[in-house]
Amino acid sequence: MSSAFASIMQGLTEAVEFSKGKSGRAVVHEFGPLDVKAIRARVGMSQNEFASAFGISVSTLRHWERGDRTPQGPALVLLNVVAREPAAVLRALGSG
């Protein structure tokens, strides 16, 4: 059995156990609600600048800021990282 297969099998086993309510070794990251407008204000960017810098449509950003919609999945993760380390994210994206 290759090491890649073993790693995939371990991940699947952990996922199945987690889905059955057994936390085991699975790492779960949970993010609370975000104030997207406050994050943008702390970074000191306009809506257009923020959307452009982080690859978000201005329309989506406005919906998040108004509370019509909430960020999900990768966008939620990105915003949490931006909230904690905006300069690092900007450096990594080549925007800062």
PDB file of N, CA and C in Angstrom:
ATOM      1  N   MET A   1       0.854  -1.181   0.000  1.00  0.00           N
ATOM      2  CA  MET A   1       0.000   0.000   0.000  1.00  0.00           C
ATOM      3  C   MET A   1       0.895   1.239   0.000  1.00  0.00           C
ATOM      4  N   SER A   2       0.665   2.139  -0.952  1.00  0.00           N
ATOM      5  CA  SER A   2       1.497   3.340  -1.038  1.00  0.00           C
ATOM      6  C   SER A   2       1.192   4.289   0.110  1.00  0.00           C
ATOM      7  N   SER A   3       2.146   5.176   0.387  1.00  0.00           N
ATOM      8  CA  SER A   3       1.936   6.135   1.484  1.00  0.00           C
ATOM      9  C   SER A   3       0.801   7.095   1.153  1.00  0.00           C
ATOM     10  N   ALA A   4       0.613   7.431  -0.125  1.00  0.00           N
ATOM     11  CA  ALA A   4      -0.496   8.315  -0.514  1.00  0.00           C
ATOM     12  C   ALA A   4      -1.831   7.635  -0.216  1.00  0.00           C
ATOM     13  N   PHE A   5      -1.944   6.361  -0.592  1.00  0.00           N
ATOM     14  CA  PHE A   5      -3.175   5.626  -0.330  1.00  0.00           C
ATOM     15  C   PHE A   5      -3.422   5.517   1.170  1.00  0.00           C
ATOM     16  N   ALA A   6      -2.381   5.229   1.933  1.00  0.00           N
ATOM     17  CA  ALA A   6      -2.516   5.097   3.382  1.00  0.00           C
ATOM     18  C   ALA A   6      -3.006   6.415   3.997  1.00  0.00           C
ATOM     19  N   SER A   7      -2.462   7.512   3.510  1.00  0.00           N
ATOM     20  CA  SER A   7      -2.870   8.824   4.018  1.00  0.00           C
ATOM     21  C   SER A   7      -4.329   9.112   3.689  1.00  0.00           C
ATOM     22  N   ILE A   8      -4.725   8.819   2.455  1.00  0.00           N
ATOM     23  CA  ILE A   8      -6.125   9.024   2.042  1.00  0.00           C
ATOM     24  C   ILE A   8      -7.048   8.134   2.860  1.00  0.00           C
ATOM     25  N   MET A   9      -6.657   6.888   3.036  1.00  0.00           N
ATOM     26  CA  MET A   9      -7.471   5.946   3.809  1.00  0.00           C
ATOM     27  C   MET A   9      -7.622   6.416   5.254  1.00  0.00           C
ATOM     28  N   GLN A  10      -6.549   6.921   5.843  1.00  0.00           N
ATOM     29  CA  GLN A  10      -6.614   7.431   7.211  1.00  0.00           C
ATOM     30  C   GLN A  10      -7.581   8.607   7.285  1.00  0.00           C
ATOM     31  N   GLY A  11      -7.487   9.519   6.314  1.00  0.00           N
ATOM     32  CA  GLY A  11      -8.381  10.675   6.289  1.00  0.00           C
ATOM     33  C   GLY A  11      -9.838  10.261   6.160  1.00  0.00           C
ATOM     34  N   LEU A  12     -10.100   9.308   5.295  1.00  0.00           N
ATOM     35  CA  LEU A  12     -11.476   8.827   5.121  1.00  0.00           C
ATOM     36  C   LEU A  12     -11.991   8.149   6.389  1.00  0.00           C
ATOM     37  N   THR A  13     -11.140   7.355   7.007  1.00  0.00           N
ATOM     38  CA  THR A  13     -11.527   6.691   8.255  1.00  0.00           C
ATOM     39  C   THR A  13     -11.874   7.724   9.328  1.00  0.00           C
ATOM     40  N   GLU A  14     -11.034   8.763   9.453  1.00  0.00           N
ATOM     41  CA  GLU A  14     -11.294   9.824  10.435  1.00  0.00           C
ATOM     42  C   GLU A  14     -12.583  10.569  10.099  1.00  0.00           C
ATOM     43  N   ALA A  15     -12.837  10.809   8.814  1.00  0.00           N
ATOM     44  CA  ALA A  15     -14.061  11.511   8.409  1.00  0.00           C
ATOM     45  C   ALA A  15     -15.301  10.696   8.744  1.00  0.00           C
ATOM     46  N   VAL A  16     -15.239   9.401   8.496  1.00  0.00           N
ATOM     47  CA  VAL A  16     -16.373   8.528   8.808  1.00  0.00           C
ATOM     48  C   VAL A  16     -16.611   8.491  10.315  1.00  0.00           C
ATOM     49  N   GLU A  17     -15.555   8.362  11.089  1.00  0.00           N
ATOM     50  CA  GLU A  17     -15.692   8.356  12.547  1.00  0.00           C
ATOM     51  C   GLU A  17     -16.282   9.668  13.040  1.00  0.00           C
ATOM     52  N   PHE A  18     -15.810  10.783  12.483  1.00  0.00           N
ATOM     53  CA  PHE A  18     -16.330  12.086  12.887  1.00  0.00           C
ATOM     54  C   PHE A  18     -17.814  12.200  12.550  1.00  0.00           C
ATOM     55  N   SER A  19     -18.208  11.699  11.388  1.00  0.00           N
ATOM     56  CA  SER A  19     -19.623  11.777  10.992  1.00  0.00           C
ATOM     57  C   SER A  19     -20.513  10.939  11.905  1.00  0.00           C
ATOM     58  N   LYS A  20     -19.923   9.960  12.581  1.00  0.00           N
ATOM     59  CA  LYS A  20     -20.664   9.125  13.530  1.00  0.00           C
ATOM     60  C   LYS A  20     -20.643   9.711  14.938  1.00  0.00           C
ATOM     61  N   GLY A  21     -20.053  10.906  15.087  1.00  0.00           N
ATOM     62  CA  GLY A  21     -20.019  11.562  16.391  1.00  0.00           C
ATOM     63  C   GLY A  21     -18.801  11.253  17.224  1.00  0.00           C
ATOM     64  N   LYS A  22     -17.855  10.549  16.665  1.00  0.00           N
ATOM     65  CA  LYS A  22     -16.624  10.223  17.379  1.00  0.00           C
ATOM     66  C   LYS A  22     -15.543  11.165  16.883  1.00  0.00           C
ATOM     67  N   SER A  23     -15.123  12.098  17.752  1.00  0.00           N
ATOM     68  CA  SER A  23     -14.178  13.115  17.302  1.00  0.00           C
ATOM     69  C   SER A  23     -12.802  12.549  16.981  1.00  0.00           C
ATOM     70  N   GLY A  24     -12.335  11.599  17.756  1.00  0.00           N
ATOM     71  CA  GLY A  24     -11.049  10.966  17.482  1.00  0.00           C
ATOM     72  C   GLY A  24      -9.949  11.963  17.194  1.00  0.00           C
ATOM     73  N   ARG A  25      -9.251  11.765  16.071  1.00  0.00           N
ATOM     74  CA  ARG A  25      -8.122  12.614  15.721  1.00  0.00           C
ATOM     75  C   ARG A  25      -8.485  13.687  14.705  1.00  0.00           C
ATOM     76  N   ALA A  26      -9.742  13.740  14.294  1.00  0.00           N
ATOM     77  CA  ALA A  26     -10.151  14.731  13.302  1.00  0.00           C
ATOM     78  C   ALA A  26     -10.013  16.139  13.872  1.00  0.00           C
ATOM     79  N   VAL A  27      -9.480  17.039  13.063  1.00  0.00           N
ATOM     80  CA  VAL A  27      -9.342  18.431  13.457  1.00  0.00           C
ATOM     81  C   VAL A  27     -10.489  19.211  12.803  1.00  0.00           C
ATOM     82  N   VAL A  28     -11.282  19.877  13.638  1.00  0.00           N
ATOM     83  CA  VAL A  28     -12.427  20.621  13.137  1.00  0.00           C
ATOM     84  C   VAL A  28     -12.221  22.097  13.453  1.00  0.00           C
ATOM     85  N   HIS A  29     -12.304  22.924  12.425  1.00  0.00           N
ATOM     86  CA  HIS A  29     -12.161  24.368  12.596  1.00  0.00           C
ATOM     87  C   HIS A  29     -13.545  24.983  12.488  1.00  0.00           C
ATOM     88  N   GLU A  30     -13.947  25.691  13.528  1.00  0.00           N
ATOM     89  CA  GLU A  30     -15.247  26.345  13.508  1.00  0.00           C
ATOM     90  C   GLU A  30     -15.042  27.844  13.575  1.00  0.00           C
ATOM     91  N   PHE A  31     -15.787  28.558  12.739  1.00  0.00           N
ATOM     92  CA  PHE A  31     -15.679  30.000  12.696  1.00  0.00           C
ATOM     93  C   PHE A  31     -17.014  30.608  13.082  1.00  0.00           C
ATOM     94  N   GLY A  32     -16.948  31.639  13.914  1.00  0.00           N
ATOM     95  CA  GLY A  32     -18.156  32.334  14.326  1.00  0.00           C
ATOM     96  C   GLY A  32     -18.548  33.388  13.314  1.00  0.00           C
ATOM     97  N   PRO A  33     -19.621  34.088  13.594  1.00  0.00           N
ATOM     98  CA  PRO A  33     -20.067  35.146  12.679  1.00  0.00           C
ATOM     99  C   PRO A  33     -19.038  36.258  12.587  1.00  0.00           C
ATOM    100  N   LEU A  34     -18.970  36.875  11.427  1.00  0.00           N
ATOM    101  CA  LEU A  34     -18.001  37.937  11.173  1.00  0.00           C
ATOM    102  C   LEU A  34     -18.698  39.253  10.877  1.00  0.00           C
ATOM    103  N   ASP A  35     -18.059  40.338  11.260  1.00  0.00           N
ATOM    104  CA  ASP A  35     -18.503  41.668  10.870  1.00  0.00           C
ATOM    105  C   ASP A  35     -17.604  42.087   9.713  1.00  0.00           C
ATOM    106  N   VAL A  36     -18.036  41.775   8.509  1.00  0.00           N
ATOM    107  CA  VAL A  36     -17.213  41.986   7.323  1.00  0.00           C
ATOM    108  C   VAL A  36     -16.886  43.464   7.143  1.00  0.00           C
ATOM    109  N   LYS A  37     -17.845  44.326   7.420  1.00  0.00           N
ATOM    110  CA  LYS A  37     -17.615  45.762   7.270  1.00  0.00           C
ATOM    111  C   LYS A  37     -16.515  46.234   8.229  1.00  0.00           C
ATOM    112  N   ALA A  38     -16.525  45.710   9.452  1.00  0.00           N
ATOM    113  CA  ALA A  38     -15.498  46.081  10.436  1.00  0.00           C
ATOM    114  C   ALA A  38     -14.121  45.579  10.006  1.00  0.00           C
ATOM    115  N   ILE A  39     -14.069  44.386   9.421  1.00  0.00           N
ATOM    116  CA  ILE A  39     -12.792  43.849   8.935  1.00  0.00           C
ATOM    117  C   ILE A  39     -12.255  44.764   7.839  1.00  0.00           C
ATOM    118  N   ARG A  40     -13.122  45.134   6.910  1.00  0.00           N
ATOM    119  CA  ARG A  40     -12.711  46.017   5.812  1.00  0.00           C
ATOM    120  C   ARG A  40     -12.235  47.361   6.347  1.00  0.00           C
ATOM    121  N   ALA A  41     -12.948  47.893   7.337  1.00  0.00           N
ATOM    122  CA  ALA A  41     -12.578  49.187   7.923  1.00  0.00           C
ATOM    123  C   ALA A  41     -11.205  49.101   8.609  1.00  0.00           C
ATOM    124  N   ARG A  42     -10.949  47.991   9.322  1.00  0.00           N
ATOM    125  CA  ARG A  42      -9.642  47.822   9.984  1.00  0.00           C
ATOM    126  C   ARG A  42      -8.512  47.763   8.976  1.00  0.00           C
ATOM    127  N   VAL A  43      -8.790  47.174   7.810  1.00  0.00           N
ATOM    128  CA  VAL A  43      -7.780  47.088   6.768  1.00  0.00           C
ATOM    129  C   VAL A  43      -7.603  48.451   6.089  1.00  0.00           C
ATOM    130  N   GLY A  44      -8.616  49.306   6.213  1.00  0.00           N
ATOM    131  CA  GLY A  44      -8.524  50.651   5.664  1.00  0.00           C
ATOM    132  C   GLY A  44      -8.728  50.724   4.163  1.00  0.00           C
ATOM    133  N   MET A  45      -9.640  49.899   3.655  1.00  0.00           N
ATOM    134  CA  MET A  45      -9.883  49.871   2.217  1.00  0.00           C
ATOM    135  C   MET A  45     -11.333  50.216   1.908  1.00  0.00           C
ATOM    136  N   SER A  46     -11.538  50.767   0.728  1.00  0.00           N
ATOM    137  CA  SER A  46     -12.902  50.973   0.238  1.00  0.00           C
ATOM    138  C   SER A  46     -13.468  49.609  -0.161  1.00  0.00           C
ATOM    139  N   GLN A  47     -14.758  49.562  -0.436  1.00  0.00           N
ATOM    140  CA  GLN A  47     -15.344  48.298  -0.876  1.00  0.00           C
ATOM    141  C   GLN A  47     -14.669  47.797  -2.150  1.00  0.00           C
ATOM    142  N   ASN A  48     -14.453  48.706  -3.103  1.00  0.00           N
ATOM    143  CA  ASN A  48     -13.819  48.308  -4.368  1.00  0.00           C
ATOM    144  C   ASN A  48     -12.402  47.792  -4.143  1.00  0.00           C
ATOM    145  N   GLU A  49     -11.630  48.464  -3.306  1.00  0.00           N
ATOM    146  CA  GLU A  49     -10.257  48.039  -3.032  1.00  0.00           C
ATOM    147  C   GLU A  49     -10.226  46.672  -2.349  1.00  0.00           C
ATOM    148  N   PHE A  50     -11.087  46.500  -1.337  1.00  0.00           N
ATOM    149  CA  PHE A  50     -11.134  45.244  -0.582  1.00  0.00           C
ATOM    150  C   PHE A  50     -11.534  44.088  -1.497  1.00  0.00           C
ATOM    151  N   ALA A  51     -12.589  44.307  -2.268  1.00  0.00           N
ATOM    152  CA  ALA A  51     -13.067  43.258  -3.173  1.00  0.00           C
ATOM    153  C   ALA A  51     -11.988  42.866  -4.176  1.00  0.00           C
ATOM    154  N   SER A  52     -11.320  43.858  -4.730  1.00  0.00           N
ATOM    155  CA  SER A  52     -10.265  43.595  -5.706  1.00  0.00           C
ATOM    156  C   SER A  52      -9.076  42.883  -5.069  1.00  0.00           C
ATOM    157  N   ALA A  53      -8.661  43.327  -3.897  1.00  0.00           N
ATOM    158  CA  ALA A  53      -7.494  42.746  -3.229  1.00  0.00           C
ATOM    159  C   ALA A  53      -7.692  41.283  -2.867  1.00  0.00           C
ATOM    160  N   PHE A  54      -8.925  40.905  -2.493  1.00  0.00           N
ATOM    161  CA  PHE A  54      -9.167  39.552  -2.000  1.00  0.00           C
ATOM    162  C   PHE A  54      -9.995  38.681  -2.942  1.00  0.00           C
ATOM    163  N   GLY A  55     -10.219  39.155  -4.177  1.00  0.00           N
ATOM    164  CA  GLY A  55     -10.900  38.333  -5.172  1.00  0.00           C
ATOM    165  C   GLY A  55     -12.367  38.097  -4.887  1.00  0.00           C
ATOM    166  N   ILE A  56     -13.033  39.111  -4.360  1.00  0.00           N
ATOM    167  CA  ILE A  56     -14.457  39.025  -4.024  1.00  0.00           C
ATOM    168  C   ILE A  56     -15.196  40.015  -4.917  1.00  0.00           C
ATOM    169  N   SER A  57     -16.365  39.655  -5.396  1.00  0.00           N
ATOM    170  CA  SER A  57     -17.115  40.630  -6.184  1.00  0.00           C
ATOM    171  C   SER A  57     -17.642  41.715  -5.240  1.00  0.00           C
ATOM    172  N   VAL A  58     -17.705  42.935  -5.745  1.00  0.00           N
ATOM    173  CA  VAL A  58     -18.195  44.054  -4.933  1.00  0.00           C
ATOM    174  C   VAL A  58     -19.632  43.779  -4.496  1.00  0.00           C
ATOM    175  N   SER A  59     -20.422  43.201  -5.379  1.00  0.00           N
ATOM    176  CA  SER A  59     -21.821  42.885  -5.054  1.00  0.00           C
ATOM    177  C   SER A  59     -21.908  41.920  -3.871  1.00  0.00           C
ATOM    178  N   THR A  60     -21.085  40.878  -3.901  1.00  0.00           N
ATOM    179  CA  THR A  60     -21.072  39.907  -2.801  1.00  0.00           C
ATOM    180  C   THR A  60     -20.628  40.580  -1.509  1.00  0.00           C
ATOM    181  N   LEU A  61     -19.587  41.400  -1.589  1.00  0.00           N
ATOM    182  CA  LEU A  61     -19.100  42.110  -0.409  1.00  0.00           C
ATOM    183  C   LEU A  61     -20.203  42.974   0.189  1.00  0.00           C
ATOM    184  N   ARG A  62     -20.948  43.681  -0.642  1.00  0.00           N
ATOM    185  CA  ARG A  62     -22.048  44.528  -0.150  1.00  0.00           C
ATOM    186  C   ARG A  62     -23.124  43.701   0.533  1.00  0.00           C
ATOM    187  N   HIS A  63     -23.446  42.561  -0.042  1.00  0.00           N
ATOM    188  CA  HIS A  63     -24.442  41.674   0.593  1.00  0.00           C
ATOM    189  C   HIS A  63     -23.962  41.218   1.972  1.00  0.00           C
ATOM    190  N   TRP A  64     -22.685  40.872   2.071  1.00  0.00           N
ATOM    191  CA  TRP A  64     -22.133  40.457   3.365  1.00  0.00           C
ATOM    192  C   TRP A  64     -22.198  41.591   4.367  1.00  0.00           C
ATOM    193  N   GLU A  65     -21.820  42.783   3.925  1.00  0.00           N
ATOM    194  CA  GLU A  65     -21.791  43.927   4.843  1.00  0.00           C
ATOM    195  C   GLU A  65     -23.192  44.314   5.313  1.00  0.00           C
ATOM    196  N   ARG A  66     -24.185  44.165   4.450  1.00  0.00           N
ATOM    197  CA  ARG A  66     -25.572  44.473   4.833  1.00  0.00           C
ATOM    198  C   ARG A  66     -26.197  43.359   5.672  1.00  0.00           C
ATOM    199  N   GLY A  67     -25.602  42.185   5.611  1.00  0.00           N
ATOM    200  CA  GLY A  67     -26.153  41.053   6.350  1.00  0.00           C
ATOM    201  C   GLY A  67     -27.185  40.269   5.566  1.00  0.00           C
ATOM    202  N   ASP A  68     -27.328  40.576   4.275  1.00  0.00           N
ATOM    203  CA  ASP A  68     -28.255  39.815   3.422  1.00  0.00           C
ATOM    204  C   ASP A  68     -27.783  38.385   3.243  1.00  0.00           C
ATOM    205  N   ARG A  69     -26.480  38.227   3.207  1.00  0.00           N
ATOM    206  CA  ARG A  69     -25.852  36.917   3.030  1.00  0.00           C
ATOM    207  C   ARG A  69     -24.688  36.813   4.001  1.00  0.00           C
ATOM    208  N   THR A  70     -24.250  35.590   4.215  1.00  0.00           N
ATOM    209  CA  THR A  70     -23.076  35.383   5.070  1.00  0.00           C
ATOM    210  C   THR A  70     -22.031  34.607   4.286  1.00  0.00           C
ATOM    211  N   PRO A  71     -20.768  34.932   4.491  1.00  0.00           N
ATOM    212  CA  PRO A  71     -19.704  34.200   3.801  1.00  0.00           C
ATOM    213  C   PRO A  71     -19.719  32.730   4.221  1.00  0.00           C
ATOM    214  N   GLN A  72     -19.417  31.861   3.273  1.00  0.00           N
ATOM    215  CA  GLN A  72     -19.391  30.423   3.518  1.00  0.00           C
ATOM    216  C   GLN A  72     -18.085  29.842   2.988  1.00  0.00           C
ATOM    217  N   GLY A  73     -17.742  28.676   3.444  1.00  0.00           N
ATOM    218  CA  GLY A  73     -16.616  27.911   2.907  1.00  0.00           C
ATOM    219  C   GLY A  73     -15.310  28.679   2.858  1.00  0.00           C
ATOM    220  N   PRO A  74     -14.618  28.617   1.709  1.00  0.00           N
ATOM    221  CA  PRO A  74     -13.308  29.263   1.586  1.00  0.00           C
ATOM    222  C   PRO A  74     -13.348  30.770   1.841  1.00  0.00           C
ATOM    223  N   ALA A  75     -14.436  31.434   1.460  1.00  0.00           N
ATOM    224  CA  ALA A  75     -14.548  32.876   1.708  1.00  0.00           C
ATOM    225  C   ALA A  75     -14.555  33.159   3.205  1.00  0.00           C
ATOM    226  N   LEU A  76     -15.240  32.331   3.967  1.00  0.00           N
ATOM    227  CA  LEU A  76     -15.287  32.500   5.413  1.00  0.00           C
ATOM    228  C   LEU A  76     -13.902  32.313   6.026  1.00  0.00           C
ATOM    229  N   VAL A  77     -13.187  31.310   5.536  1.00  0.00           N
ATOM    230  CA  VAL A  77     -11.826  31.069   6.018  1.00  0.00           C
ATOM    231  C   VAL A  77     -10.939  32.266   5.681  1.00  0.00           C
ATOM    232  N   LEU A  78     -11.000  32.732   4.431  1.00  0.00           N
ATOM    233  CA  LEU A  78     -10.187  33.875   4.016  1.00  0.00           C
ATOM    234  C   LEU A  78     -10.475  35.091   4.889  1.00  0.00           C
ATOM    235  N   LEU A  79     -11.735  35.390   5.122  1.00  0.00           N
ATOM    236  CA  LEU A  79     -12.076  36.568   5.922  1.00  0.00           C
ATOM    237  C   LEU A  79     -11.597  36.437   7.363  1.00  0.00           C
ATOM    238  N   ASN A  80     -11.638  35.235   7.903  1.00  0.00           N
ATOM    239  CA  ASN A  80     -11.112  35.032   9.252  1.00  0.00           C
ATOM    240  C   ASN A  80      -9.609  35.271   9.298  1.00  0.00           C
ATOM    241  N   VAL A  81      -8.898  34.837   8.276  1.00  0.00           N
ATOM    242  CA  VAL A  81      -7.453  35.075   8.230  1.00  0.00           C
ATOM    243  C   VAL A  81      -7.181  36.559   8.034  1.00  0.00           C
ATOM    244  N   VAL A  82      -7.929  37.207   7.150  1.00  0.00           N
ATOM    245  CA  VAL A  82      -7.759  38.647   6.935  1.00  0.00           C
ATOM    246  C   VAL A  82      -8.036  39.400   8.231  1.00  0.00           C
ATOM    247  N   ALA A  83      -9.029  38.971   8.988  1.00  0.00           N
ATOM    248  CA  ALA A  83      -9.361  39.635  10.251  1.00  0.00           C
ATOM    249  C   ALA A  83      -8.199  39.551  11.236  1.00  0.00           C
ATOM    250  N   ARG A  84      -7.452  38.448  11.208  1.00  0.00           N
ATOM    251  CA  ARG A  84      -6.366  38.252  12.166  1.00  0.00           C
ATOM    252  C   ARG A  84      -5.013  38.747  11.645  1.00  0.00           C
ATOM    253  N   GLU A  85      -4.745  38.539  10.364  1.00  0.00           N
ATOM    254  CA  GLU A  85      -3.425  38.848   9.795  1.00  0.00           C
ATOM    255  C   GLU A  85      -3.559  39.487   8.413  1.00  0.00           C
ATOM    256  N   PRO A  86      -4.163  40.665   8.324  1.00  0.00           N
ATOM    257  CA  PRO A  86      -4.379  41.262   6.989  1.00  0.00           C
ATOM    258  C   PRO A  86      -3.087  41.525   6.227  1.00  0.00           C
ATOM    259  N   ALA A  87      -2.056  41.997   6.900  1.00  0.00           N
ATOM    260  CA  ALA A  87      -0.802  42.296   6.206  1.00  0.00           C
ATOM    261  C   ALA A  87      -0.189  41.033   5.599  1.00  0.00           C
ATOM    262  N   ALA A  88      -0.266  39.925   6.328  1.00  0.00           N
ATOM    263  CA  ALA A  88       0.293  38.670   5.828  1.00  0.00           C
ATOM    264  C   ALA A  88      -0.451  38.195   4.583  1.00  0.00           C
ATOM    265  N   VAL A  89      -1.773  38.334   4.612  1.00  0.00           N
ATOM    266  CA  VAL A  89      -2.568  37.906   3.450  1.00  0.00           C
ATOM    267  C   VAL A  89      -2.237  38.802   2.253  1.00  0.00           C
ATOM    268  N   LEU A  90      -2.159  40.095   2.472  1.00  0.00           N
ATOM    269  CA  LEU A  90      -1.835  41.017   1.383  1.00  0.00           C
ATOM    270  C   LEU A  90      -0.449  40.729   0.805  1.00  0.00           C
ATOM    271  N   ARG A  91       0.515  40.425   1.684  1.00  0.00           N
ATOM    272  CA  ARG A  91       1.859  40.063   1.208  1.00  0.00           C
ATOM    273  C   ARG A  91       1.805  38.796   0.369  1.00  0.00           C
ATOM    274  N   ALA A  92       1.081  37.804   0.864  1.00  0.00           N
ATOM    275  CA  ALA A  92       0.985  36.522   0.170  1.00  0.00           C
ATOM    276  C   ALA A  92       0.316  36.677  -1.193  1.00  0.00           C
ATOM    277  N   LEU A  93      -0.622  37.597  -1.281  1.00  0.00           N
ATOM    278  CA  LEU A  93      -1.316  37.818  -2.546  1.00  0.00           C
ATOM    279  C   LEU A  93      -0.568  38.792  -3.451  1.00  0.00           C
ATOM    280  N   GLY A  94       0.518  39.343  -2.945  1.00  0.00           N
ATOM    281  CA  GLY A  94       1.303  40.282  -3.729  1.00  0.00           C
ATOM    282  C   GLY A  94       0.685  41.656  -3.813  1.00  0.00           C
ATOM    283  N   SER A  95      -0.232  41.968  -2.867  1.00  0.00           N
ATOM    284  CA  SER A  95      -0.920  43.258  -2.885  1.00  0.00           C
ATOM    285  C   SER A  95      -0.405  44.198  -1.803  1.00  0.00           C
ATOM    286  N   GLY A  96       0.563  43.776  -1.035  1.00  0.00           N
ATOM    287  CA  GLY A  96       0.971  44.631   0.074  1.00  0.00           C
ATOM    288  C   GLY A  96       2.435  44.636   0.335  1.00  0.00           C
TER     289      GLY A  96
END
